[in-house]
Amino acid sequence: MGNGAKAQQKRDRAADKGPKEAKSQLKSNASAQSVKCKTCFQTFQSTTARKLLTEHASNKHTKNFEDCFNAEDGVVKK
């Protein structure tokens, strides 16, 4: 039995297991959208930096961070 036959056997065994199922992160990304702007209701992921949320509040609404988000929202980078 040559190497070509071994490779073919390996492909046949892999085909018997069936096709691999596609894995998507869409559901997990949607569930991670836990930070919401109080003014426009735009959602952000819970890992969003506080700086980005502050920029959203000032640029889009000309408001302060506290006017648009809860105090505990956003990840504070040290």
Protein backbone atom coordinates (compact mmCIF):
# COMPACT_ATOMS: atom_id res chain seq x y z
CA MET A 1 0.00 0.00 0.00
CA GLY A 2 1.57 3.26 -1.12
CA ASN A 3 1.18 6.71 0.36
CA GLY A 4 -1.47 7.60 -2.20
CA ALA A 5 -3.75 4.83 -0.94
CA LYS A 6 -3.25 5.93 2.67
CA ALA A 7 -4.19 9.49 1.80
CA GLN A 8 -7.29 8.30 -0.02
CA GLN A 9 -8.31 6.18 2.97
CA LYS A 10 -7.89 9.19 5.22
CA ARG A 11 -10.09 11.30 2.92
CA ASP A 12 -12.71 8.55 2.86
CA ARG A 13 -12.79 8.33 6.66
CA ALA A 14 -13.10 12.10 6.94
CA ALA A 15 -15.98 12.08 4.45
CA ASP A 16 -17.80 9.49 6.56
CA LYS A 17 -17.85 11.89 9.49
CA GLY A 18 -19.91 14.34 7.45
CA PRO A 19 -19.40 17.97 6.59
CA LYS A 20 -18.26 20.35 9.26
CA GLU A 21 -20.90 22.65 10.62
CA ALA A 22 -20.35 26.35 10.02
CA LYS A 23 -19.70 28.32 13.18
CA SER A 24 -20.98 31.86 13.39
CA GLN A 25 -20.47 34.48 16.07
CA LEU A 26 -23.49 36.55 15.10
CA LYS A 27 -25.63 35.34 18.01
CA SER A 28 -22.89 35.83 20.58
CA ASN A 29 -22.06 39.29 19.18
CA ALA A 30 -25.72 40.28 19.35
CA SER A 31 -25.98 39.16 22.97
CA ALA A 32 -22.84 41.13 23.85
CA GLN A 33 -24.52 44.39 22.80
CA SER A 34 -25.33 45.34 26.38
CA VAL A 35 -24.48 49.07 26.51
CA LYS A 36 -27.23 51.32 25.16
CA CYS A 37 -27.28 55.07 24.58
CA LYS A 38 -30.19 56.64 26.45
CA THR A 39 -30.71 59.25 23.74
CA CYS A 40 -30.63 57.36 20.42
CA PHE A 41 -30.78 53.76 21.77
CA GLN A 42 -27.72 52.73 19.75
CA THR A 43 -26.15 49.63 21.25
CA PHE A 44 -22.48 48.98 21.93
CA GLN A 45 -20.62 45.88 23.03
CA SER A 46 -19.90 45.55 26.73
CA THR A 47 -16.16 45.65 25.97
CA THR A 48 -16.36 49.11 24.36
CA ALA A 49 -13.91 51.63 25.80
CA ARG A 50 -15.32 54.51 27.79
CA LYS A 51 -13.47 56.92 25.49
CA LEU A 52 -15.52 55.75 22.49
CA LEU A 53 -18.76 56.16 24.42
CA THR A 54 -17.75 59.65 25.51
CA GLU A 55 -16.96 60.56 21.89
CA HIS A 56 -20.35 59.22 20.81
CA ALA A 57 -22.14 61.36 23.38
CA SER A 58 -20.24 64.53 22.56
CA ASN A 59 -20.10 64.18 18.76
CA LYS A 60 -23.54 62.82 18.04
CA HIS A 61 -25.61 64.45 20.78
CA THR A 62 -23.41 67.29 22.13
CA LYS A 63 -24.00 65.90 25.62
CA ASN A 64 -21.85 64.56 28.42
CA PHE A 65 -21.14 60.87 29.01
CA GLU A 66 -23.45 60.81 32.03
CA ASP A 67 -26.38 62.16 29.98
CA CYS A 68 -26.22 59.27 27.51
CA PHE A 69 -24.86 56.30 29.47
CA ASN A 70 -24.89 54.79 32.95
CA ALA A 71 -21.90 55.46 35.17
CA GLU A 72 -20.73 51.83 35.09
CA ASP A 73 -20.90 51.54 31.28
CA GLY A 74 -17.71 51.31 29.28
CA VAL A 75 -14.35 49.75 30.04
CA VAL A 76 -11.96 52.14 31.71
CA LYS A 77 -8.42 51.67 30.41
CA LYS A 78 -5.69 52.29 32.94
